[in-house]
Amino acid sequence: MSPALLFCILIGYFGLLMAVAWATGRNANNDSFFIGNKSSNWMLVAFGMVGTTLSGATFISVPGAVGSDGFGYGQILIGYVIGYIAVAYILLPLYYRLKLTSIYHYLDVRLGRRAYQSGAGFFILSRLLGATARLYLVVNILQAIILDSLGVPFWLTTFVVLGMILMYTYQGGVKTIVWTDTLQTTCMLAGLFFCVGFMLSELDLSIPESLARMHEQGLSRVFTFDADSPNFWLKQIVAGAFIVVTMTGMDQEMMQKTISVKTVGDSQKNLLSLTAVLVVVLSAFLFLGGLLYLYAPIVGVTATGDKIFPAVVMGHLPATVQIIFLVALISALFPSADGAITALTSTFCIDILGIQRRNDLSEAAKVRLRRHVHLGFAFLFLALVLVFKWADNPSMIGVILKLASYTYGPLLGLFAFGMLTRRTLNDRLVPFVTIGAPILCGLLEANQKYLLGNYRLGLELLIVNGILVFAGLFAISQREKAGPAAVTA
């Protein structure tokens, strides 16, 4: 298919997003930008969050990883379900009871200003790295299938994509994103299930027949029983649960949308509905990965990992499927970046700059400040995407989860300490603990061959990181004196 036609489809899709942004962003203020005026419909939030949770990395990397790991991602999926239930019934009631706009304000109330700023700082770092890694993956594919042939350099593609995202989130923020994410999730899921149906048709197999073929070729294996392996089933399930607790329940981007719902009951419905949909959708992605690896040898495709899905579709499937794939891919791209830029802007403005506490600024001045921060994060995204392009890792889903282990571990330790103890902290020492624990984890991982023998660390590094932070905070704490500091779950 002509790259020029694919480019026109990209521009048309963006035009649709801009129309939604114009309709939802009129008369928006900072409250609209940060938490959608606390009036978001829980069903829309739940459905739109599917797209944010999955992202382009899931769309490309989860099917691609089937070739090496089989359906092993299913182990993590079981943990996800446990994690979402924990977030719904432990963290959400706490956030609503404290009427939070930024969830990190809990750390301020419970542990002190340095803990608050440390939590917000690690969120900013984790979201910057994770979201730009996801953005790089999809932009790199768009570059390969469309822009390279048109002579457009990678940096310019990234600049234009970020400019598009900035344009439709600039005014309405969360109020707009709730609606654009719903549109984008619809397109992504339609593309996923269409590709599954088309691949079954091309292979002339039923679902049971295709699963039998996958089993014969070792593609449908779910559980790993080697306790020393990073993919050991118990490690993966426990890590999956903690990934959700941290990357959803302690993540301002995800919670920003969730707490924009009016009541805690509706917010819990949102998360539980999201969980049910994710189980179906991620299972479909794994199934699609198996189909791709059955089909690739037939048409002579040797690509693996992140490259197999685009290689099969763009090189060997009809134009209609290519268009649907492109729209679905773009739909997977935008939710992972638009929500991240908006949440990072909110966290920096509220938690670092204290915009809501500043009485010296007029409402118009606060809006201008928020817009400048929004623009600044867009340029940071551009710089980091170019760094990932330079690094060029073949499997970005592994990179994203590894980054999460290091950057969300301090958040896990901070929240756990606040909720599970009644001790008060030496606030000045908190940054040393939260920075020191990831450094220790890096040293442990680098020397695990000598320290752990045959045992290999996997995603449980996130839990180890959190435990180290918890232990460090305990060491710099003392028994709580009577007073208002105790705000626990």
Protein backbone atom coordinates (compact mmCIF):
# COMPACT_ATOMS: atom_id res chain seq x y z
CA MET A 1 0.00 0.00 0.00
CA SER A 2 1.17 3.52 -0.79
CA PRO A 3 2.90 5.24 2.16
CA ALA A 4 1.24 8.49 1.08
CA LEU A 5 -2.21 6.93 1.54
CA LEU A 6 -1.22 5.57 4.96
CA PHE A 7 0.01 9.04 5.88
CA CYS A 8 -3.34 10.55 4.88
CA ILE A 9 -5.11 8.01 7.11
CA LEU A 10 -2.87 9.09 9.99
CA ILE A 11 -3.75 12.75 9.44
CA GLY A 12 -7.48 11.95 9.17
CA TYR A 13 -7.38 10.02 12.43
CA PHE A 14 -5.70 12.93 14.16
CA GLY A 15 -8.37 15.27 12.79
CA LEU A 16 -11.01 13.11 14.47
CA LEU A 17 -9.14 13.37 17.78
CA MET A 18 -8.97 17.15 17.43
CA ALA A 19 -12.73 17.31 16.87
CA VAL A 20 -13.30 15.35 20.10
CA ALA A 21 -10.82 17.61 21.94
CA TRP A 22 -12.59 20.75 20.72
CA ALA A 23 -15.99 19.43 21.80
CA THR A 24 -14.83 18.35 25.27
CA GLY A 25 -12.23 21.03 26.05
CA ARG A 26 -14.38 24.14 25.70
CA ASN A 27 -14.49 26.24 28.89
CA ALA A 28 -12.04 23.87 30.58
CA ASN A 29 -10.06 25.09 33.60
CA ASN A 30 -7.30 23.61 35.77
CA ASP A 31 -9.83 21.47 37.65
CA SER A 32 -10.97 20.05 34.29
CA PHE A 33 -7.37 19.40 33.27
CA PHE A 34 -6.32 17.70 36.52
CA ILE A 35 -9.37 15.59 37.51
CA GLY A 36 -12.08 16.21 34.89
CA ASN A 37 -14.18 18.25 37.37
CA LYS A 38 -14.87 14.97 39.25
CA SER A 39 -17.69 14.26 36.79
CA SER A 40 -16.34 11.50 34.52
CA ASN A 41 -18.60 8.57 33.68
CA TRP A 42 -17.15 5.40 35.25
CA MET A 43 -17.99 3.24 32.23
CA LEU A 44 -16.13 5.57 29.86
CA VAL A 45 -13.16 5.75 32.22
CA ALA A 46 -13.02 1.95 32.56
CA PHE A 47 -13.16 1.35 28.81
CA GLY A 48 -10.69 4.12 27.98
CA MET A 49 -8.24 2.88 30.59
CA VAL A 50 -7.95 -0.40 28.66
CA GLY A 51 -6.10 1.51 25.95
CA THR A 52 -3.90 3.32 28.47
CA THR A 53 -3.06 0.09 30.29
CA LEU A 54 -2.20 -1.84 27.14
CA SER A 55 -0.37 0.74 25.00
CA GLY A 56 1.58 0.17 21.82
CA ALA A 57 4.08 -2.00 23.69
CA THR A 58 1.35 -4.54 24.43
CA PHE A 59 0.01 -4.34 20.88
CA ILE A 60 3.39 -5.21 19.39
CA SER A 61 5.47 -6.88 22.10
CA VAL A 62 3.03 -9.30 23.74
CA PRO A 63 2.27 -11.16 20.47
CA GLY A 64 5.95 -10.98 19.55
CA ALA A 65 7.08 -12.51 22.84
CA VAL A 66 5.03 -15.69 22.23
CA GLY A 67 7.84 -17.03 20.04
CA SER A 68 10.24 -17.17 23.00
CA ASP A 69 7.95 -17.35 26.06
CA GLY A 70 4.81 -19.04 24.76
CA PHE A 71 1.75 -17.91 26.70
CA GLY A 72 3.95 -17.24 29.74
CA TYR A 73 2.57 -13.70 29.99
CA GLY A 74 -0.58 -15.40 31.27
CA GLN A 75 1.21 -15.94 34.59
CA ILE A 76 1.58 -12.18 34.98
CA LEU A 77 -2.06 -11.75 33.93
CA ILE A 78 -3.22 -13.89 36.87
CA GLY A 79 -1.26 -11.55 39.15
CA TYR A 80 -2.88 -8.54 37.47
CA VAL A 81 -6.32 -9.73 38.56
CA ILE A 82 -5.19 -10.03 42.18
CA GLY A 83 -3.57 -6.58 42.00
CA TYR A 84 -6.65 -4.82 40.61
CA ILE A 85 -8.84 -6.24 43.38
CA ALA A 86 -6.33 -4.95 45.96
CA VAL A 87 -6.29 -1.47 44.40
CA ALA A 88 -10.09 -1.32 44.24
CA TYR A 89 -10.70 -2.26 47.87
CA ILE A 90 -7.60 -0.97 49.68
CA LEU A 91 -6.23 2.10 47.89
CA LEU A 92 -9.31 3.68 46.29
CA PRO A 93 -11.27 4.07 49.57
CA LEU A 94 -8.23 5.82 51.07
CA TYR A 95 -7.88 8.24 48.14
CA TYR A 96 -11.57 9.14 48.21
CA ARG A 97 -11.63 9.55 51.97
CA LEU A 98 -8.80 12.10 51.73
CA LYS A 99 -10.41 13.80 48.66
CA LEU A 100 -7.10 13.72 46.78
CA THR A 101 -6.32 15.41 43.47
CA SER A 102 -2.76 14.06 43.51
CA ILE A 103 -2.48 10.66 45.19
CA TYR A 104 1.00 11.59 46.45
CA HIS A 105 -0.58 14.13 48.80
CA TYR A 106 -1.29 11.07 50.98
CA LEU A 107 2.46 10.77 51.55
CA ASP A 108 2.56 14.42 52.64
CA VAL A 109 -0.28 13.92 55.13
CA ARG A 110 1.06 10.66 56.50
CA LEU A 111 4.86 10.82 56.20
CA GLY A 112 5.93 14.39 55.52
CA ARG A 113 6.93 16.75 52.75
CA ARG A 114 10.16 14.96 51.70
CA ALA A 115 8.33 11.64 51.38
CA TYR A 116 5.65 13.43 49.34
CA GLN A 117 8.18 14.99 47.00
CA SER A 118 10.15 11.74 46.74
CA GLY A 119 7.01 9.85 45.72
CA ALA A 120 6.07 12.48 43.16
CA GLY A 121 9.64 12.58 41.87
CA PHE A 122 9.81 8.82 41.34
CA PHE A 123 6.44 8.90 39.57
CA ILE A 124 7.75 11.57 37.22
CA LEU A 125 10.88 9.53 36.53
CA SER A 126 9.00 6.24 36.04
CA ARG A 127 6.32 7.74 33.80
CA LEU A 128 8.85 9.63 31.73
CA LEU A 129 10.89 6.50 31.07
CA GLY A 130 7.99 4.06 30.68
CA ALA A 131 5.80 6.26 28.49
CA THR A 132 8.66 7.32 26.22
CA ALA A 133 9.73 3.68 25.79
CA ARG A 134 6.17 2.84 24.69
CA LEU A 135 6.03 5.87 22.43
CA TYR A 136 9.37 5.01 20.82
CA LEU A 137 8.20 1.49 19.96
CA VAL A 138 5.15 2.65 17.99
CA VAL A 139 6.79 5.69 16.39
CA ASN A 140 9.63 3.45 15.22
CA ILE A 141 7.13 1.17 13.47
CA LEU A 142 5.29 4.13 11.89
CA GLN A 143 8.67 5.37 10.70
CA ALA A 144 9.50 2.04 9.10
CA ILE A 145 6.17 1.47 7.33
CA ILE A 146 5.33 5.04 6.27
CA LEU A 147 7.80 7.85 6.90
CA ASP A 148 11.14 6.32 5.81
CA SER A 149 9.86 5.94 2.25
CA LEU A 150 8.71 9.58 2.29
CA GLY A 151 12.16 10.75 3.38
CA VAL A 152 11.01 12.03 6.78
CA PRO A 153 13.67 11.67 9.52
CA PHE A 154 12.83 9.88 12.78
CA TRP A 155 13.26 12.96 14.97
CA LEU A 156 10.76 14.89 12.87
CA THR A 157 8.21 12.05 13.04
CA THR A 158 8.50 12.04 16.84
CA PHE A 159 8.25 15.84 16.97
CA VAL A 160 5.07 15.85 14.88
CA VAL A 161 3.43 13.01 16.86
CA LEU A 162 4.14 14.79 20.15
CA GLY A 163 2.85 18.02 18.65
CA MET A 164 -0.40 16.26 17.78
CA ILE A 165 -0.74 14.88 21.30
CA LEU A 166 0.02 18.29 22.79
CA MET A 167 -2.62 19.96 20.66
CA TYR A 168 -5.54 17.80 21.74
CA THR A 169 -4.58 17.58 25.45
CA TYR A 170 -3.45 21.21 25.87
CA GLN A 171 -6.82 22.61 26.93
CA GLY A 172 -9.00 19.86 28.37
CA GLY A 173 -6.53 17.44 29.96
CA VAL A 174 -8.32 14.59 31.73
CA LYS A 175 -11.73 15.91 30.66
CA THR A 176 -10.69 15.39 27.02
CA ILE A 177 -8.62 12.24 27.51
CA VAL A 178 -11.54 10.29 29.01
CA TRP A 179 -13.30 10.65 25.63
CA THR A 180 -10.31 10.34 23.28
CA ASP A 181 -9.13 7.22 25.11
CA THR A 182 -12.57 5.68 24.64
CA LEU A 183 -12.38 6.31 20.88
CA GLN A 184 -8.83 5.01 20.66
CA THR A 185 -9.52 1.89 22.73
CA THR A 186 -12.45 1.07 20.44
CA CYS A 187 -10.24 1.31 17.36
CA MET A 188 -7.42 -0.71 18.94
CA LEU A 189 -9.67 -3.55 20.09
CA ALA A 190 -11.50 -3.64 16.76
CA GLY A 191 -8.14 -3.98 15.03
CA LEU A 192 -7.03 -6.73 17.41
CA PHE A 193 -10.09 -8.92 16.97
CA PHE A 194 -10.23 -8.30 13.22
CA CYS A 195 -6.59 -9.45 12.89
CA VAL A 196 -7.34 -12.58 14.98
CA GLY A 197 -10.32 -13.44 12.76
CA PHE A 198 -8.40 -12.77 9.55
CA MET A 199 -5.41 -14.88 10.62
CA LEU A 200 -7.70 -17.80 11.53
CA SER A 201 -9.27 -17.51 8.09
CA GLU A 202 -5.88 -17.41 6.34
CA LEU A 203 -4.70 -20.48 8.24
CA ASP A 204 -8.08 -22.19 7.65
CA LEU A 205 -8.22 -23.26 11.29
CA SER A 206 -10.82 -23.12 14.02
CA ILE A 207 -9.87 -21.82 17.47
CA PRO A 208 -9.47 -25.35 18.95
CA GLU A 209 -7.47 -26.50 15.89
CA SER A 210 -5.16 -23.49 16.10
CA LEU A 211 -4.59 -24.04 19.83
CA ALA A 212 -3.71 -27.67 19.11
CA ARG A 213 -1.17 -26.56 16.49
CA MET A 214 0.31 -24.03 18.91
CA HIS A 215 0.60 -26.76 21.54
CA GLU A 216 2.45 -29.01 19.09
CA GLN A 217 4.97 -26.25 18.41
CA GLY A 218 5.42 -25.30 22.07
CA LEU A 219 3.78 -21.90 21.65
CA SER A 220 0.95 -22.32 24.16
CA ARG A 221 2.98 -23.10 27.28
CA VAL A 222 1.79 -20.95 30.20
CA PHE A 223 3.55 -22.03 33.38
CA THR A 224 7.29 -22.29 34.10
CA PHE A 225 8.10 -24.64 36.99
CA ASP A 226 11.86 -24.06 37.28
CA ALA A 227 12.17 -22.13 40.57
CA ASP A 228 15.53 -20.65 39.52
CA SER A 229 14.10 -19.18 36.30
CA PRO A 230 13.09 -15.48 36.11
CA ASN A 231 9.80 -16.79 34.63
CA PHE A 232 8.96 -19.16 37.52
CA TRP A 233 5.16 -19.16 37.86
CA LEU A 234 4.98 -18.01 41.49
CA LYS A 235 7.41 -15.14 40.85
CA GLN A 236 5.40 -14.01 37.84
CA ILE A 237 2.03 -14.11 39.59
CA VAL A 238 3.27 -12.24 42.67
CA ALA A 239 5.16 -9.75 40.51
CA GLY A 240 2.07 -9.23 38.33
CA ALA A 241 0.01 -8.35 41.41
CA PHE A 242 2.61 -5.86 42.62
CA ILE A 243 3.02 -4.38 39.15
CA VAL A 244 -0.68 -3.46 39.16
CA VAL A 245 -0.61 -2.19 42.75
CA THR A 246 2.29 0.12 41.89
CA MET A 247 1.81 0.92 38.19
CA THR A 248 -1.93 1.47 38.61
CA GLY A 249 -2.75 2.05 42.28
CA MET A 250 0.30 4.22 43.01
CA ASP A 251 0.49 5.84 39.58
CA GLN A 252 -0.93 9.35 39.20
CA GLU A 253 -1.77 8.85 35.51
CA MET A 254 -3.98 5.83 36.14
CA MET A 255 -5.48 7.12 39.38
CA GLN A 256 -6.02 10.60 37.93
CA LYS A 257 -8.66 9.14 35.64
CA THR A 258 -10.03 6.72 38.22
CA ILE A 259 -10.61 9.36 40.92
CA SER A 260 -12.20 11.68 38.36
CA VAL A 261 -15.30 9.49 38.87
CA LYS A 262 -17.74 11.00 41.39
CA THR A 263 -18.05 8.18 43.97
CA VAL A 264 -15.74 5.47 45.27
CA GLY A 265 -18.34 2.81 44.42
CA ASP A 266 -18.41 3.80 40.76
CA SER A 267 -14.63 4.03 40.76
CA GLN A 268 -14.42 0.44 42.04
CA LYS A 269 -16.82 -0.65 39.30
CA ASN A 270 -14.47 1.06 36.86
CA LEU A 271 -11.44 -0.96 38.01
CA LEU A 272 -13.23 -4.30 38.23
CA SER A 273 -14.71 -3.81 34.75
CA LEU A 274 -11.26 -2.90 33.47
CA THR A 275 -9.90 -6.12 34.99
CA ALA A 276 -12.48 -8.29 33.23
CA VAL A 277 -11.86 -6.64 29.87
CA LEU A 278 -8.08 -6.89 30.25
CA VAL A 279 -8.23 -10.63 30.87
CA VAL A 280 -10.10 -11.11 27.59
CA VAL A 281 -7.99 -8.67 25.60
CA LEU A 282 -4.57 -9.84 26.80
CA SER A 283 -5.61 -13.45 26.18
CA ALA A 284 -6.54 -12.40 22.64
CA PHE A 285 -3.11 -10.76 22.17
CA LEU A 286 -1.39 -13.98 23.24
CA PHE A 287 -3.60 -16.01 20.89
CA LEU A 288 -2.81 -13.59 18.06
CA GLY A 289 0.90 -14.07 18.78
CA GLY A 290 0.50 -17.82 18.40
CA LEU A 291 -1.30 -17.33 15.08
CA LEU A 292 1.47 -15.05 13.80
CA TYR A 293 4.13 -17.65 14.58
CA LEU A 294 2.06 -20.33 12.83
CA TYR A 295 1.58 -18.12 9.76
CA ALA A 296 5.07 -16.56 9.47
CA PRO A 297 6.90 -19.70 8.18
CA ILE A 298 4.22 -20.20 5.51
CA VAL A 299 4.95 -16.81 3.92
CA GLY A 300 8.69 -16.87 4.60
CA VAL A 301 8.77 -14.26 7.39
CA THR A 302 11.77 -14.83 9.67
CA ALA A 303 11.25 -11.81 11.92
CA THR A 304 10.64 -12.44 15.63
CA GLY A 305 9.88 -10.37 18.72
CA ASP A 306 8.56 -6.86 18.19
CA LYS A 307 9.08 -7.08 14.42
CA ILE A 308 6.93 -10.09 13.55
CA PHE A 309 3.46 -8.46 13.71
CA PRO A 310 4.25 -5.50 11.40
CA ALA A 311 6.35 -7.75 9.12
CA VAL A 312 3.48 -10.18 8.54
CA VAL A 313 0.78 -7.53 8.14
CA MET A 314 2.59 -4.96 6.01
CA GLY A 315 4.43 -7.49 3.88
CA HIS A 316 1.91 -10.26 3.26
CA LEU A 317 -1.68 -9.23 4.06
CA PRO A 318 -4.22 -7.26 1.96
CA ALA A 319 -4.49 -3.47 1.97
CA THR A 320 -7.67 -3.52 4.09
CA VAL A 321 -5.87 -5.38 6.88
CA GLN A 322 -2.92 -2.99 6.62
CA ILE A 323 -5.22 0.01 7.10
CA ILE A 324 -6.92 -1.61 10.09
CA PHE A 325 -3.53 -2.51 11.57
CA LEU A 326 -2.29 1.08 11.13
CA VAL A 327 -5.38 2.62 12.77
CA ALA A 328 -5.17 0.12 15.65
CA LEU A 329 -1.44 0.80 16.06
CA ILE A 330 -1.99 4.56 16.17
CA SER A 331 -4.83 4.02 18.63
CA ALA A 332 -2.44 2.08 20.84
CA LEU A 333 0.15 4.84 20.56
CA PHE A 334 -1.79 7.90 21.67
CA PRO A 335 -3.37 6.73 24.99
CA SER A 336 0.00 5.74 26.44
CA ALA A 337 1.47 9.17 25.68
CA ASP A 338 -1.41 11.62 26.08
CA GLY A 339 -2.33 10.43 29.57
CA ALA A 340 1.32 10.33 30.62
CA ILE A 341 2.04 13.91 29.55
CA THR A 342 -1.16 15.09 31.26
CA ALA A 343 -0.45 13.19 34.49
CA LEU A 344 3.18 14.36 34.58
CA THR A 345 2.01 17.92 34.12
CA SER A 346 -0.50 17.50 36.95
CA THR A 347 2.03 15.94 39.32
CA PHE A 348 4.71 18.54 38.63
CA CYS A 349 2.28 21.44 39.00
CA ILE A 350 0.51 20.15 42.12
CA ASP A 351 3.22 18.21 43.95
CA ILE A 352 6.45 19.96 42.98
CA LEU A 353 5.34 23.55 42.24
CA GLY A 354 2.43 23.51 44.72
CA ILE A 355 0.16 25.30 42.28
CA GLN A 356 -2.99 24.64 44.32
CA ARG A 357 -1.40 26.06 47.50
CA ARG A 358 -0.17 29.28 45.91
CA ASN A 359 -2.42 32.20 46.71
CA ASP A 360 -0.02 34.63 45.03
CA LEU A 361 -1.07 33.41 41.56
CA SER A 362 -4.32 34.29 39.84
CA GLU A 363 -6.31 31.54 38.14
CA ALA A 364 -5.11 32.81 34.74
CA ALA A 365 -1.49 32.70 35.92
CA LYS A 366 -1.94 29.12 37.16
CA VAL A 367 -3.32 28.11 33.76
CA ARG A 368 -0.32 29.72 32.01
CA LEU A 369 2.09 27.95 34.35
CA ARG A 370 0.39 24.60 33.75
CA ARG A 371 0.59 25.10 29.97
CA HIS A 372 4.32 25.91 30.14
CA VAL A 373 4.94 22.74 32.17
CA HIS A 374 2.85 20.75 29.68
CA LEU A 375 5.00 22.02 26.82
CA GLY A 376 8.20 21.28 28.75
CA PHE A 377 7.26 17.65 29.26
CA ALA A 378 6.52 17.27 25.55
CA PHE A 379 10.12 18.31 24.77
CA LEU A 380 11.42 15.92 27.43
CA PHE A 381 9.48 13.13 25.71
CA LEU A 382 11.12 14.04 22.41
CA ALA A 383 14.61 13.84 23.92
CA LEU A 384 14.01 10.48 25.63
CA VAL A 385 12.43 8.88 22.55
CA LEU A 386 15.60 9.78 20.65
CA VAL A 387 17.66 8.11 23.41
CA PHE A 388 15.60 4.90 23.05
CA LYS A 389 16.09 5.07 19.29
CA TRP A 390 19.83 5.17 19.89
CA ALA A 391 19.63 2.19 22.30
CA ASP A 392 17.29 0.20 19.95
CA ASN A 393 16.35 -2.75 22.23
CA PRO A 394 14.60 -5.58 20.29
CA SER A 395 11.90 -6.23 22.94
CA MET A 396 10.53 -3.09 24.59
CA ILE A 397 8.01 -4.85 26.85
CA GLY A 398 10.92 -6.33 28.81
CA VAL A 399 12.62 -2.92 29.02
CA ILE A 400 9.42 -1.28 30.29
CA LEU A 401 8.88 -3.88 33.03
CA LYS A 402 12.54 -3.68 34.04
CA LEU A 403 12.34 0.10 34.35
CA ALA A 404 9.21 -0.30 36.46
CA SER A 405 11.07 -2.55 38.90
CA TYR A 406 13.55 0.22 39.63
CA THR A 407 11.32 3.28 39.57
CA TYR A 408 8.10 2.00 41.17
CA GLY A 409 9.86 0.11 43.99
CA PRO A 410 10.34 3.31 46.06
CA LEU A 411 6.64 4.15 45.65
CA LEU A 412 5.72 0.66 46.87
CA GLY A 413 7.95 1.08 49.93
CA LEU A 414 6.64 4.57 50.76
CA PHE A 415 2.95 3.68 50.49
CA ALA A 416 3.41 0.36 52.31
CA PHE A 417 5.24 2.06 55.18
CA GLY A 418 2.55 4.69 55.49
CA MET A 419 -0.31 2.19 55.45
CA LEU A 420 1.19 -0.67 57.46
CA THR A 421 2.94 1.20 60.28
CA ARG A 422 2.17 4.01 62.70
CA ARG A 423 5.72 5.31 62.91
CA THR A 424 6.95 8.82 62.08
CA LEU A 425 9.95 9.53 59.88
CA ASN A 426 13.07 11.63 60.02
CA ASP A 427 11.85 13.48 56.94
CA ARG A 428 15.27 14.79 55.88
CA LEU A 429 16.64 11.29 55.33
CA VAL A 430 13.81 9.96 53.15
CA PRO A 431 15.42 10.90 49.77
CA PHE A 432 18.59 9.00 50.70
CA VAL A 433 16.54 5.84 51.37
CA THR A 434 14.43 6.08 48.21
CA ILE A 435 17.46 6.70 45.99
CA GLY A 436 19.71 4.20 47.76
CA ALA A 437 17.35 1.22 47.43
CA PRO A 438 17.29 1.18 43.58
CA ILE A 439 21.09 1.53 43.57
CA LEU A 440 21.36 -1.52 45.85
CA CYS A 441 18.97 -3.39 43.54
CA GLY A 442 21.19 -2.55 40.57
CA LEU A 443 24.24 -3.88 42.39
CA LEU A 444 22.33 -7.02 43.40
CA GLU A 445 21.19 -7.68 39.84
CA ALA A 446 24.65 -7.04 38.40
CA ASN A 447 26.25 -9.51 40.84
CA GLN A 448 23.45 -12.07 41.18
CA LYS A 449 25.60 -14.78 39.65
CA TYR A 450 27.96 -14.55 42.64
CA LEU A 451 25.39 -13.70 45.32
CA LEU A 452 22.45 -15.93 44.34
CA GLY A 453 24.01 -18.90 42.57
CA ASN A 454 21.68 -20.35 39.93
CA TYR A 455 18.77 -18.19 41.01
CA ARG A 456 17.95 -15.39 38.54
CA LEU A 457 16.02 -12.27 39.47
CA GLY A 458 12.99 -11.43 37.35
CA LEU A 459 10.12 -9.05 37.95
CA GLU A 460 10.30 -9.75 41.69
CA LEU A 461 13.05 -7.12 41.73
CA LEU A 462 10.20 -4.62 42.15
CA ILE A 463 9.23 -6.28 45.45
CA VAL A 464 12.86 -6.45 46.62
CA ASN A 465 13.19 -2.74 45.87
CA GLY A 466 10.04 -1.97 47.87
CA ILE A 467 11.23 -4.08 50.82
CA LEU A 468 14.58 -2.26 50.89
CA VAL A 469 12.80 1.10 50.94
CA PHE A 470 10.44 -0.10 53.69
CA ALA A 471 13.39 -1.35 55.77
CA GLY A 472 15.29 1.90 55.26
CA LEU A 473 12.27 3.98 56.28
CA PHE A 474 11.81 1.82 59.38
CA ALA A 475 15.44 2.42 60.31
CA ILE A 476 15.01 6.23 60.18
CA SER A 477 11.64 6.24 61.97
CA GLN A 478 10.42 6.25 65.53
CA ARG A 479 7.25 5.33 67.35
CA GLU A 480 4.48 7.75 66.49
CA LYS A 481 3.44 10.39 68.96
CA ALA A 482 -0.23 11.19 69.36
CA GLY A 483 -1.40 13.60 66.69
CA PRO A 484 -2.90 13.94 63.22
CA ALA A 485 -0.08 12.21 61.31
CA ALA A 486 -1.63 8.78 61.27
CA VAL A 487 -3.60 8.47 58.08
CA THR A 488 -3.65 4.79 57.25
CA ALA A 489 -5.86 2.59 55.14
